[in-house]
C-alpha cells in the first residue's frame, strides 16, 4: 500500500549543513534507513572515544599506583635498614662494655701476677699491619660487607670476647687461689730488721752446755722491735709459757703452725684472724732467754721444720 505524504515526511530526516565560510546552508534529506545508519555510526564513534578515554585514564591510574607502590617499597626498605643499624648499634655498645670489663680483668690479673698494667697497655688497641705483596690469582678482591654479613661478624666477635672473658676469669681464679695458698705459707720475715743469732739444728745449749737440738731459728733484735706474722692464719695460742716466755702460735691450715717466742708484749689474742705481715708482738727476753731476741719455729703435723726453707721462698 503506498505511503501518504505525511508518513513519508515522518519517516525522513532532514540534515542541515551550514558553512561558515560560504555563509550559506545546505539541507540533506535522509530516509529512515539512512538516518538509522548515521545514528549507528555516531554511536560507534562515541563508543571508541569513550574506550580510548578509559584506556588513557587506566594507564595514568596504573602509573600513579606503581609510583605509590615504589614509594611504599622505598619507605619499607629504609625502615628495615634503620632497624638493622639500630640493632648493630646496640650490639656495638654491648661489645664496648664487654671489652671494658675484659680490660679491667686483665689489669687485675696483671697486678695479681706481679706485672705492671702499663706494660700490657690495656687501654690502647693492639698494633696491626702487614707486608704488601704482589697480587696473585688467588688474591681476593676487596668488597664492601652487607648489613647481614656485618651483623654476623659482630655476633662472632661477641662470642670470641665471651670465651676470652671466661678463660681470663678461670686464670684469675687460679692466680688468686695460688696467691691465697702462698699467703698461708710462712715465707714472710717475722722481723723487718735483725740478724740470725742461732740456726736450726744441733747446737750447744747456752744454759746446760750440752749438745741439744734447736727446733727453730733466733733473730737478734732490740727489745720492742715489731714481730710480724709470717703468714695469714688464726691465733691459737697467745699466753705466757715457762720455756718460750710470751708466746704466740698461729695455725695456717693444713697442719702448719708457726711459733713466736720470748716476746715482751703481745698484740693479739687466741681466736684472732691475722694477715701476713700483721704486727702480732714485740721482741723481748721473756722465758728461757739470754737476751732480747725472737725464737721462730715452723711445725708441720707437729714436727719441727727448718724455717729457713720457708723464709727463702719469700
C-alpha atoms as a PDB file:
ATOM      1  CA  UNK A   1       0.000   0.000   0.000  1.00  0.00           C
ATOM      2  CA  UNK A   2       1.563   3.307  -0.973  1.00  0.00           C
ATOM      3  CA  UNK A   3       2.522   5.704   1.884  1.00  0.00           C
ATOM      4  CA  UNK A   4       0.925   9.074   2.201  1.00  0.00           C
ATOM      5  CA  UNK A   5       2.852  12.331   2.108  1.00  0.00           C
ATOM      6  CA  UNK A   6       2.664  12.789   5.843  1.00  0.00           C
ATOM      7  CA  UNK A   7       4.068   9.280   6.517  1.00  0.00           C
ATOM      8  CA  UNK A   8       6.913   9.962   4.084  1.00  0.00           C
ATOM      9  CA  UNK A   9       7.767  13.154   5.936  1.00  0.00           C
ATOM     10  CA  UNK A  10       7.733  11.378   9.274  1.00  0.00           C
ATOM     11  CA  UNK A  11       9.987   8.563   8.041  1.00  0.00           C
ATOM     12  CA  UNK A  12      12.540  11.010   6.609  1.00  0.00           C
ATOM     13  CA  UNK A  13      15.292  13.025   8.445  1.00  0.00           C
ATOM     14  CA  UNK A  14      16.472  16.409   7.274  1.00  0.00           C
ATOM     15  CA  UNK A  15      20.129  17.280   7.973  1.00  0.00           C
ATOM     16  CA  UNK A  16      21.085  20.951   7.579  1.00  0.00           C
ATOM     17  CA  UNK A  17      24.773  21.701   6.983  1.00  0.00           C
ATOM     18  CA  UNK A  18      25.831  25.321   7.471  1.00  0.00           C
ATOM     19  CA  UNK A  19      29.135  26.585   6.050  1.00  0.00           C
ATOM     20  CA  UNK A  20      30.664  29.440   7.933  1.00  0.00           C
ATOM     21  CA  UNK A  21      32.937  30.441   5.103  1.00  0.00           C
ATOM     22  CA  UNK A  22      30.227  30.498   2.403  1.00  0.00           C
ATOM     23  CA  UNK A  23      27.592  31.954   4.640  1.00  0.00           C
ATOM     24  CA  UNK A  24      25.002  29.590   3.235  1.00  0.00           C
ATOM     25  CA  UNK A  25      23.337  26.377   4.354  1.00  0.00           C
ATOM     26  CA  UNK A  26      22.514  23.096   2.725  1.00  0.00           C
ATOM     27  CA  UNK A  27      19.734  20.645   3.561  1.00  0.00           C
ATOM     28  CA  UNK A  28      20.146  16.885   3.109  1.00  0.00           C
ATOM     29  CA  UNK A  29      17.086  14.702   3.397  1.00  0.00           C
ATOM     30  CA  UNK A  30      17.651  11.190   4.737  1.00  0.00           C
ATOM     31  CA  UNK A  31      15.104   8.440   4.798  1.00  0.00           C
ATOM     32  CA  UNK A  32      14.603   6.100   7.775  1.00  0.00           C
ATOM     33  CA  UNK A  33      17.296   3.592   6.872  1.00  0.00           C
ATOM     34  CA  UNK A  34      19.847   6.282   6.163  1.00  0.00           C
ATOM     35  CA  UNK A  35      19.068   8.012   9.481  1.00  0.00           C
ATOM     36  CA  UNK A  36      19.416   4.721  11.397  1.00  0.00           C
ATOM     37  CA  UNK A  37      22.800   4.076   9.750  1.00  0.00           C
ATOM     38  CA  UNK A  38      24.011   7.557  10.641  1.00  0.00           C
ATOM     39  CA  UNK A  39      22.987   7.092  14.269  1.00  0.00           C
ATOM     40  CA  UNK A  40      24.760   3.721  14.375  1.00  0.00           C
ATOM     41  CA  UNK A  41      27.963   5.290  13.039  1.00  0.00           C
ATOM     42  CA  UNK A  42      27.760   8.080  15.594  1.00  0.00           C
ATOM     43  CA  UNK A  43      27.273   5.517  18.411  1.00  0.00           C
ATOM     44  CA  UNK A  44      30.353   3.585  17.287  1.00  0.00           C
ATOM     45  CA  UNK A  45      32.412   6.779  17.189  1.00  0.00           C
ATOM     46  CA  UNK A  46      31.258   7.727  20.682  1.00  0.00           C
ATOM     47  CA  UNK A  47      31.999   4.211  21.988  1.00  0.00           C
ATOM     48  CA  UNK A  48      35.524   4.334  20.511  1.00  0.00           C
ATOM     49  CA  UNK A  49      36.141   7.738  22.068  1.00  0.00           C
ATOM     50  CA  UNK A  50      34.890   6.525  25.474  1.00  0.00           C
ATOM     51  CA  UNK A  51      37.062   3.380  25.300  1.00  0.00           C
ATOM     52  CA  UNK A  52      40.103   5.442  24.382  1.00  0.00           C
ATOM     53  CA  UNK A  53      39.486   7.805  27.259  1.00  0.00           C
ATOM     54  CA  UNK A  54      39.093   4.882  29.671  1.00  0.00           C
ATOM     55  CA  UNK A  55      42.380   3.365  28.413  1.00  0.00           C
ATOM     56  CA  UNK A  56      44.202   6.658  28.944  1.00  0.00           C
ATOM     57  CA  UNK A  57      42.756   7.025  32.448  1.00  0.00           C
ATOM     58  CA  UNK A  58      43.665   3.407  33.241  1.00  0.00           C
ATOM     59  CA  UNK A  59      47.287   3.981  32.190  1.00  0.00           C
ATOM     60  CA  UNK A  60      47.524   7.154  34.219  1.00  0.00           C
ATOM     61  CA  UNK A  61      45.990   5.374  37.227  1.00  0.00           C
ATOM     62  CA  UNK A  62      48.337   2.391  36.817  1.00  0.00           C
ATOM     63  CA  UNK A  63      51.367   4.685  36.680  1.00  0.00           C
ATOM     64  CA  UNK A  64      50.219   6.528  39.792  1.00  0.00           C
ATOM     65  CA  UNK A  65      49.613   3.259  41.638  1.00  0.00           C
ATOM     66  CA  UNK A  66      53.079   1.963  40.606  1.00  0.00           C
ATOM     67  CA  UNK A  67      54.630   5.192  41.830  1.00  0.00           C
ATOM     68  CA  UNK A  68      52.850   4.858  45.176  1.00  0.00           C
ATOM     69  CA  UNK A  69      53.921   1.223  45.476  1.00  0.00           C
ATOM     70  CA  UNK A  70      57.525   2.196  44.687  1.00  0.00           C
ATOM     71  CA  UNK A  71      57.447   4.916  47.317  1.00  0.00           C
ATOM     72  CA  UNK A  72      55.991   2.486  49.855  1.00  0.00           C
ATOM     73  CA  UNK A  73      58.690  -0.097  48.992  1.00  0.00           C
ATOM     74  CA  UNK A  74      61.457   2.510  49.430  1.00  0.00           C
ATOM     75  CA  UNK A  75      59.979   3.537  52.786  1.00  0.00           C
ATOM     76  CA  UNK A  76      59.830  -0.099  53.957  1.00  0.00           C
ATOM     77  CA  UNK A  77      63.438  -0.660  52.853  1.00  0.00           C
ATOM     78  CA  UNK A  78      64.593   2.421  54.744  1.00  0.00           C
ATOM     79  CA  UNK A  79      62.703   1.244  57.829  1.00  0.00           C
ATOM     80  CA  UNK A  80      64.355  -2.187  57.707  1.00  0.00           C
ATOM     81  CA  UNK A  81      67.777  -0.588  57.187  1.00  0.00           C
ATOM     82  CA  UNK A  82      67.255   1.759  60.141  1.00  0.00           C
ATOM     83  CA  UNK A  83      66.147  -1.123  62.374  1.00  0.00           C
ATOM     84  CA  UNK A  84      69.227  -3.130  61.333  1.00  0.00           C
ATOM     85  CA  UNK A  85      71.524  -0.199  62.077  1.00  0.00           C
ATOM     86  CA  UNK A  86      69.885   0.340  65.472  1.00  0.00           C
ATOM     87  CA  UNK A  87      70.336  -3.351  66.305  1.00  0.00           C
ATOM     88  CA  UNK A  88      74.004  -3.259  65.332  1.00  0.00           C
ATOM     89  CA  UNK A  89      74.486  -0.093  67.393  1.00  0.00           C
ATOM     90  CA  UNK A  90      73.097  -1.926  70.432  1.00  0.00           C
ATOM     91  CA  UNK A  91      75.441  -4.857  69.784  1.00  0.00           C
ATOM     92  CA  UNK A  92      78.359  -2.466  69.400  1.00  0.00           C
ATOM     93  CA  UNK A  93      77.550  -0.890  72.761  1.00  0.00           C
ATOM     94  CA  UNK A  94      77.450  -4.330  74.368  1.00  0.00           C
ATOM     95  CA  UNK A  95      80.806  -5.175  72.787  1.00  0.00           C
ATOM     96  CA  UNK A  96      82.359  -1.988  74.158  1.00  0.00           C
ATOM     97  CA  UNK A  97      81.094  -2.795  77.651  1.00  0.00           C
ATOM     98  CA  UNK A  98      82.446  -6.344  77.430  1.00  0.00           C
ATOM     99  CA  UNK A  99      85.841  -5.115  76.205  1.00  0.00           C
ATOM    100  CA  UNK A 100      85.998  -2.641  79.079  1.00  0.00           C
ATOM    101  CA  UNK A 101      85.231  -5.450  81.525  1.00  0.00           C
ATOM    102  CA  UNK A 102      87.886  -7.606  79.851  1.00  0.00           C
ATOM    103  CA  UNK A 103      90.465  -4.791  80.141  1.00  0.00           C
ATOM    104  CA  UNK A 104      89.645  -4.389  83.832  1.00  0.00           C
ATOM    105  CA  UNK A 105      90.007  -8.122  84.358  1.00  0.00           C
ATOM    106  CA  UNK A 106      93.333  -8.094  82.513  1.00  0.00           C
ATOM    107  CA  UNK A 107      94.694  -5.262  84.650  1.00  0.00           C
ATOM    108  CA  UNK A 108      93.617  -7.033  87.830  1.00  0.00           C
ATOM    109  CA  UNK A 109      95.180 -10.268  86.639  1.00  0.00           C
ATOM    110  CA  UNK A 110      98.418  -8.492  85.721  1.00  0.00           C
ATOM    111  CA  UNK A 111      98.622  -6.989  89.193  1.00  0.00           C
ATOM    112  CA  UNK A 112      97.957 -10.368  90.793  1.00  0.00           C
ATOM    113  CA  UNK A 113     100.759 -11.887  88.719  1.00  0.00           C
ATOM    114  CA  UNK A 114     103.153  -9.119  89.743  1.00  0.00           C
ATOM    115  CA  UNK A 115     103.196  -7.242  86.425  1.00  0.00           C
ATOM    116  CA  UNK A 116     102.604  -3.572  85.844  1.00  0.00           C
ATOM    117  CA  UNK A 117      99.344  -2.935  83.913  1.00  0.00           C
ATOM    118  CA  UNK A 118     101.040  -0.288  81.748  1.00  0.00           C
ATOM    119  CA  UNK A 119     103.344  -2.973  80.378  1.00  0.00           C
ATOM    120  CA  UNK A 120     100.361  -4.518  78.619  1.00  0.00           C
ATOM    121  CA  UNK A 121      98.687  -1.213  77.577  1.00  0.00           C
ATOM    122  CA  UNK A 122      95.136  -2.499  78.059  1.00  0.00           C
ATOM    123  CA  UNK A 123      93.697   0.938  77.220  1.00  0.00           C
ATOM    124  CA  UNK A 124      95.262   1.014  73.751  1.00  0.00           C
ATOM    125  CA  UNK A 125      94.342  -1.011  70.658  1.00  0.00           C
ATOM    126  CA  UNK A 126      96.970  -3.547  69.547  1.00  0.00           C
ATOM    127  CA  UNK A 127      99.210  -2.592  66.651  1.00  0.00           C
ATOM    128  CA  UNK A 128      98.312  -4.129  63.332  1.00  0.00           C
ATOM    129  CA  UNK A 129      99.923  -4.219  59.911  1.00  0.00           C
ATOM    130  CA  UNK A 130     101.279  -6.436  57.182  1.00  0.00           C
ATOM    131  CA  UNK A 131     103.676  -6.583  54.299  1.00  0.00           C
ATOM    132  CA  UNK A 132     102.395  -5.577  50.874  1.00  0.00           C
ATOM    133  CA  UNK A 133     102.939  -8.421  48.418  1.00  0.00           C
ATOM    134  CA  UNK A 134     102.432  -8.654  44.693  1.00  0.00           C
ATOM    135  CA  UNK A 135      98.876  -9.553  43.697  1.00  0.00           C
ATOM    136  CA  UNK A 136      98.280 -13.129  42.686  1.00  0.00           C
ATOM    137  CA  UNK A 137      95.451 -15.019  41.099  1.00  0.00           C
ATOM    138  CA  UNK A 138      94.425 -16.339  44.490  1.00  0.00           C
ATOM    139  CA  UNK A 139      94.119 -12.847  45.973  1.00  0.00           C
ATOM    140  CA  UNK A 140      90.610 -11.872  46.981  1.00  0.00           C
ATOM    141  CA  UNK A 141      89.147  -8.693  45.528  1.00  0.00           C
ATOM    142  CA  UNK A 142      88.167  -6.286  48.359  1.00  0.00           C
ATOM    143  CA  UNK A 143      84.447  -5.728  48.617  1.00  0.00           C
ATOM    144  CA  UNK A 144      82.030  -3.997  50.926  1.00  0.00           C
ATOM    145  CA  UNK A 145      80.264  -6.006  53.614  1.00  0.00           C
ATOM    146  CA  UNK A 146      76.499  -6.200  53.563  1.00  0.00           C
ATOM    147  CA  UNK A 147      74.357  -5.451  56.603  1.00  0.00           C
ATOM    148  CA  UNK A 148      73.787  -9.167  57.164  1.00  0.00           C
ATOM    149  CA  UNK A 149      77.493 -10.027  56.916  1.00  0.00           C
ATOM    150  CA  UNK A 150      78.400  -7.194  59.275  1.00  0.00           C
ATOM    151  CA  UNK A 151      75.868  -8.471  61.802  1.00  0.00           C
ATOM    152  CA  UNK A 152      77.342 -11.978  61.551  1.00  0.00           C
ATOM    153  CA  UNK A 153      80.845 -10.590  62.149  1.00  0.00           C
ATOM    154  CA  UNK A 154      79.620  -8.745  65.245  1.00  0.00           C
ATOM    155  CA  UNK A 155      77.971 -11.908  66.582  1.00  0.00           C
ATOM    156  CA  UNK A 156      81.151 -13.907  66.006  1.00  0.00           C
ATOM    157  CA  UNK A 157      83.284 -11.252  67.687  1.00  0.00           C
ATOM    158  CA  UNK A 158      80.868 -11.151  70.621  1.00  0.00           C
ATOM    159  CA  UNK A 159      81.208 -14.904  71.122  1.00  0.00           C
ATOM    160  CA  UNK A 160      85.002 -14.659  70.978  1.00  0.00           C
ATOM    161  CA  UNK A 161      85.021 -11.922  73.606  1.00  0.00           C
ATOM    162  CA  UNK A 162      82.786 -14.013  75.865  1.00  0.00           C
ATOM    163  CA  UNK A 163      85.080 -17.027  75.502  1.00  0.00           C
ATOM    164  CA  UNK A 164      88.181 -14.977  76.300  1.00  0.00           C
ATOM    165  CA  UNK A 165      86.489 -13.352  79.269  1.00  0.00           C
ATOM    166  CA  UNK A 166      85.588 -16.774  80.631  1.00  0.00           C
ATOM    167  CA  UNK A 167      89.159 -18.007  80.170  1.00  0.00           C
ATOM    168  CA  UNK A 168      90.551 -14.899  81.843  1.00  0.00           C
ATOM    169  CA  UNK A 169      88.188 -15.495  84.751  1.00  0.00           C
ATOM    170  CA  UNK A 170      89.480 -19.042  85.162  1.00  0.00           C
ATOM    171  CA  UNK A 171      93.080 -17.806  85.075  1.00  0.00           C
ATOM    172  CA  UNK A 172      92.274 -15.129  87.637  1.00  0.00           C
ATOM    173  CA  UNK A 173      90.724 -17.753  89.919  1.00  0.00           C
ATOM    174  CA  UNK A 174      93.832 -19.918  89.661  1.00  0.00           C
ATOM    175  CA  UNK A 175      96.125 -16.963  90.319  1.00  0.00           C
ATOM    176  CA  UNK A 176      94.012 -15.862  93.278  1.00  0.00           C
ATOM    177  CA  UNK A 177      93.996 -19.412  94.650  1.00  0.00           C
ATOM    178  CA  UNK A 178      97.752 -19.658  94.255  1.00  0.00           C
ATOM    179  CA  UNK A 179      98.176 -16.274  95.932  1.00  0.00           C
ATOM    180  CA  UNK A 180      95.889 -17.363  98.779  1.00  0.00           C
ATOM    181  CA  UNK A 181      97.865 -20.538  99.238  1.00  0.00           C
ATOM    182  CA  UNK A 182     101.112 -18.593  99.286  1.00  0.00           C
ATOM    183  CA  UNK A 183      99.664 -16.152 101.810  1.00  0.00           C
ATOM    184  CA  UNK A 184      99.127 -19.066 104.187  1.00  0.00           C
ATOM    185  CA  UNK A 185     102.709 -20.336 103.776  1.00  0.00           C
ATOM    186  CA  UNK A 186     105.093 -18.810 106.363  1.00  0.00           C
ATOM    187  CA  UNK A 187     107.512 -17.246 103.899  1.00  0.00           C
ATOM    188  CA  UNK A 188     107.460 -13.687 105.240  1.00  0.00           C
ATOM    189  CA  UNK A 189     110.209 -12.444 107.547  1.00  0.00           C
ATOM    190  CA  UNK A 190     108.910 -12.237 111.150  1.00  0.00           C
ATOM    191  CA  UNK A 191     111.100  -9.189 111.839  1.00  0.00           C
ATOM    192  CA  UNK A 192     111.805  -6.432 109.366  1.00  0.00           C
ATOM    193  CA  UNK A 193     115.382  -6.000 110.565  1.00  0.00           C
ATOM    194  CA  UNK A 194     117.501  -8.339 112.650  1.00  0.00           C
ATOM    195  CA  UNK A 195     120.283 -10.905 112.400  1.00  0.00           C
ATOM    196  CA  UNK A 196     120.423 -14.649 112.784  1.00  0.00           C
ATOM    197  CA  UNK A 197     121.918 -15.487 116.125  1.00  0.00           C
ATOM    198  CA  UNK A 198     121.226 -19.227 116.077  1.00  0.00           C
ATOM    199  CA  UNK A 199     120.263 -21.607 113.280  1.00  0.00           C
ATOM    200  CA  UNK A 200     118.012 -24.650 113.135  1.00  0.00           C
ATOM    201  CA  UNK A 201     119.554 -27.966 114.198  1.00  0.00           C
ATOM    202  CA  UNK A 202     122.070 -29.294 116.687  1.00  0.00           C
ATOM    203  CA  UNK A 203     123.949 -26.777 118.826  1.00  0.00           C
ATOM    204  CA  UNK A 204     125.443 -26.263 122.315  1.00  0.00           C
ATOM    205  CA  UNK A 205     122.699 -25.312 124.748  1.00  0.00           C
ATOM    206  CA  UNK A 206     123.624 -21.937 126.354  1.00  0.00           C
ATOM    207  CA  UNK A 207     122.195 -22.979 129.726  1.00  0.00           C
ATOM    208  CA  UNK A 208     123.396 -26.592 130.072  1.00  0.00           C
ATOM    209  CA  UNK A 209     126.455 -26.529 127.806  1.00  0.00           C
ATOM    210  CA  UNK A 210     125.381 -29.798 126.280  1.00  0.00           C
ATOM    211  CA  UNK A 211     124.598 -30.689 122.699  1.00  0.00           C
ATOM    212  CA  UNK A 212     120.870 -30.070 122.081  1.00  0.00           C
ATOM    213  CA  UNK A 213     118.576 -29.794 119.090  1.00  0.00           C
ATOM    214  CA  UNK A 214     117.355 -26.280 118.375  1.00  0.00           C
ATOM    215  CA  UNK A 215     113.886 -26.525 116.803  1.00  0.00           C
ATOM    216  CA  UNK A 216     113.787 -23.016 115.364  1.00  0.00           C
ATOM    217  CA  UNK A 217     115.899 -20.024 114.400  1.00  0.00           C
ATOM    218  CA  UNK A 218     116.764 -16.988 116.523  1.00  0.00           C
ATOM    219  CA  UNK A 219     116.723 -13.378 115.342  1.00  0.00           C
ATOM    220  CA  UNK A 220     118.782 -10.959 117.404  1.00  0.00           C
ATOM    221  CA  UNK A 221     116.921  -7.637 117.696  1.00  0.00           C
ATOM    222  CA  UNK A 222     116.349  -4.856 120.181  1.00  0.00           C
ATOM    223  CA  UNK A 223     113.503  -5.029 122.667  1.00  0.00           C
ATOM    224  CA  UNK A 224     110.354  -3.570 121.221  1.00  0.00           C
ATOM    225  CA  UNK A 225     111.165  -4.488 117.613  1.00  0.00           C
ATOM    226  CA  UNK A 226     107.845  -5.387 115.882  1.00  0.00           C
ATOM    227  CA  UNK A 227     107.178  -9.076 115.275  1.00  0.00           C
ATOM    228  CA  UNK A 228     105.050  -9.788 112.179  1.00  0.00           C
ATOM    229  CA  UNK A 229     103.046 -12.849 111.217  1.00  0.00           C
ATOM    230  CA  UNK A 230     104.979 -14.833 108.626  1.00  0.00           C
ATOM    231  CA  UNK A 231     101.684 -15.869 107.014  1.00  0.00           C
ATOM    232  CA  UNK A 232      97.951 -15.406 107.379  1.00  0.00           C
ATOM    233  CA  UNK A 233      96.139 -17.616 109.836  1.00  0.00           C
ATOM    234  CA  UNK A 234      94.297 -17.942 113.140  1.00  0.00           C
ATOM    235  CA  UNK A 235      95.918 -17.296 116.525  1.00  0.00           C
ATOM    236  CA  UNK A 236      95.555 -20.452 118.626  1.00  0.00           C
ATOM    237  CA  UNK A 237      97.913 -19.530 121.476  1.00  0.00           C
ATOM    238  CA  UNK A 238      98.701 -16.092 122.940  1.00  0.00           C
ATOM    239  CA  UNK A 239      99.975 -16.576 126.504  1.00  0.00           C
ATOM    240  CA  UNK A 240     102.983 -16.922 128.739  1.00  0.00           C
ATOM    241  CA  UNK A 241     104.951 -20.200 128.609  1.00  0.00           C
ATOM    242  CA  UNK A 242     107.680 -21.184 131.134  1.00  0.00           C
ATOM    243  CA  UNK A 243     110.179 -22.015 128.393  1.00  0.00           C
ATOM    244  CA  UNK A 244     109.035 -19.793 125.499  1.00  0.00           C
ATOM    245  CA  UNK A 245     108.040 -16.795 127.625  1.00  0.00           C
ATOM    246  CA  UNK A 246     105.323 -14.687 125.957  1.00  0.00           C
ATOM    247  CA  UNK A 247     104.315 -16.951 123.094  1.00  0.00           C
ATOM    248  CA  UNK A 248     102.138 -16.530 120.000  1.00  0.00           C
ATOM    249  CA  UNK A 249     101.157 -19.588 117.967  1.00  0.00           C
ATOM    250  CA  UNK A 250      99.368 -19.236 114.614  1.00  0.00           C
ATOM    251  CA  UNK A 251      97.573 -22.009 112.733  1.00  0.00           C
ATOM    252  CA  UNK A 252      97.885 -21.593 108.931  1.00  0.00           C
ATOM    253  CA  UNK A 253      95.836 -24.636 107.981  1.00  0.00           C
ATOM    254  CA  UNK A 254      96.934 -27.977 106.560  1.00  0.00           C
ATOM    255  CA  UNK A 255      98.514 -28.772 109.985  1.00  0.00           C
ATOM    256  CA  UNK A 256     101.051 -25.959 109.514  1.00  0.00           C
ATOM    257  CA  UNK A 257     101.854 -23.863 112.622  1.00  0.00           C
ATOM    258  CA  UNK A 258     104.317 -21.055 113.422  1.00  0.00           C
ATOM    259  CA  UNK A 259     105.564 -20.018 116.877  1.00  0.00           C
ATOM    260  CA  UNK A 260     106.920 -16.652 118.037  1.00  0.00           C
ATOM    261  CA  UNK A 261     108.604 -16.823 121.467  1.00  0.00           C
ATOM    262  CA  UNK A 262     110.250 -14.609 124.148  1.00  0.00           C
ATOM    263  CA  UNK A 263     108.148 -11.556 123.202  1.00  0.00           C
ATOM    264  CA  UNK A 264     107.949  -8.569 125.503  1.00  0.00           C
ATOM    265  CA  UNK A 265     104.391  -7.588 124.543  1.00  0.00           C
ATOM    266  CA  UNK A 266     101.592  -9.499 122.801  1.00  0.00           C
ATOM    267  CA  UNK A 267      99.218  -7.612 120.453  1.00  0.00           C
ATOM    268  CA  UNK A 268      96.837 -10.473 119.624  1.00  0.00           C
ATOM    269  CA  UNK A 269      94.635 -12.925 121.463  1.00  0.00           C
ATOM    270  CA  UNK A 270      93.607 -16.522 120.827  1.00  0.00           C
ATOM    271  CA  UNK A 271      90.940 -16.685 118.143  1.00  0.00           C
ATOM    272  CA  UNK A 272      92.130 -13.592 116.255  1.00  0.00           C
ATOM    273  CA  UNK A 273      92.482 -13.812 112.476  1.00  0.00           C
ATOM    274  CA  UNK A 274      95.749 -12.249 111.352  1.00  0.00           C
ATOM    275  CA  UNK A 275      97.099 -11.326 107.938  1.00  0.00           C
ATOM    276  CA  UNK A 276     100.538 -11.911 106.546  1.00  0.00           C
ATOM    277  CA  UNK A 277     102.822  -9.108 107.770  1.00  0.00           C
ATOM    278  CA  UNK A 278     100.480  -8.007 110.583  1.00  0.00           C
ATOM    279  CA  UNK A 279     102.137  -6.947 113.844  1.00  0.00           C
ATOM    280  CA  UNK A 280     101.400  -9.578 116.497  1.00  0.00           C
ATOM    281  CA  UNK A 281     104.022  -8.908 119.242  1.00  0.00           C
ATOM    282  CA  UNK A 282     107.271  -7.119 120.122  1.00  0.00           C
ATOM    283  CA  UNK A 283     110.724  -8.593 120.608  1.00  0.00           C
ATOM    284  CA  UNK A 284     111.705  -9.245 124.249  1.00  0.00           C
ATOM    285  CA  UNK A 285     113.621 -11.619 126.516  1.00  0.00           C
ATOM    286  CA  UNK A 286     110.932 -13.424 128.487  1.00  0.00           C
ATOM    287  CA  UNK A 287     111.092 -17.108 129.451  1.00  0.00           C
ATOM    288  CA  UNK A 288     114.249 -19.147 128.952  1.00  0.00           C
ATOM    289  CA  UNK A 289     116.336 -16.497 127.218  1.00  0.00           C
ATOM    290  CA  UNK A 290     119.816 -14.967 127.490  1.00  0.00           C
ATOM    291  CA  UNK A 291     118.858 -11.636 125.895  1.00  0.00           C
ATOM    292  CA  UNK A 292     116.364  -9.869 123.610  1.00  0.00           C
ATOM    293  CA  UNK A 293     115.675 -11.949 120.511  1.00  0.00           C
ATOM    294  CA  UNK A 294     112.877 -13.723 118.630  1.00  0.00           C
ATOM    295  CA  UNK A 295     112.691 -17.502 118.597  1.00  0.00           C
ATOM    296  CA  UNK A 296     110.769 -18.536 115.457  1.00  0.00           C
ATOM    297  CA  UNK A 297     109.524 -22.058 114.738  1.00  0.00           C
ATOM    298  CA  UNK A 298     107.645 -23.770 111.899  1.00  0.00           C
ATOM    299  CA  UNK A 299     105.879 -27.055 112.634  1.00  0.00           C
ATOM    300  CA  UNK A 300     104.187 -29.381 110.174  1.00  0.00           C
ATOM    301  CA  UNK A 301     101.966 -32.111 111.651  1.00  0.00           C
ATOM    302  CA  UNK A 302     103.626 -31.435 114.998  1.00  0.00           C
ATOM    303  CA  UNK A 303     107.199 -31.910 113.729  1.00  0.00           C
ATOM    304  CA  UNK A 304     109.688 -29.032 113.716  1.00  0.00           C
ATOM    305  CA  UNK A 305     110.755 -27.891 110.237  1.00  0.00           C
ATOM    306  CA  UNK A 306     113.710 -25.740 109.240  1.00  0.00           C
ATOM    307  CA  UNK A 307     112.185 -22.235 108.994  1.00  0.00           C
ATOM    308  CA  UNK A 308     114.925 -21.224 106.584  1.00  0.00           C
ATOM    309  CA  UNK A 309     113.358 -23.388 103.871  1.00  0.00           C
ATOM    310  CA  UNK A 310     110.138 -21.371 104.108  1.00  0.00           C
ATOM    311  CA  UNK A 311     111.771 -17.974 104.547  1.00  0.00           C
ATOM    312  CA  UNK A 312     113.904 -18.455 101.440  1.00  0.00           C
ATOM    313  CA  UNK A 313     110.692 -18.635  99.366  1.00  0.00           C
ATOM    314  CA  UNK A 314     109.835 -15.119 100.436  1.00  0.00           C
END
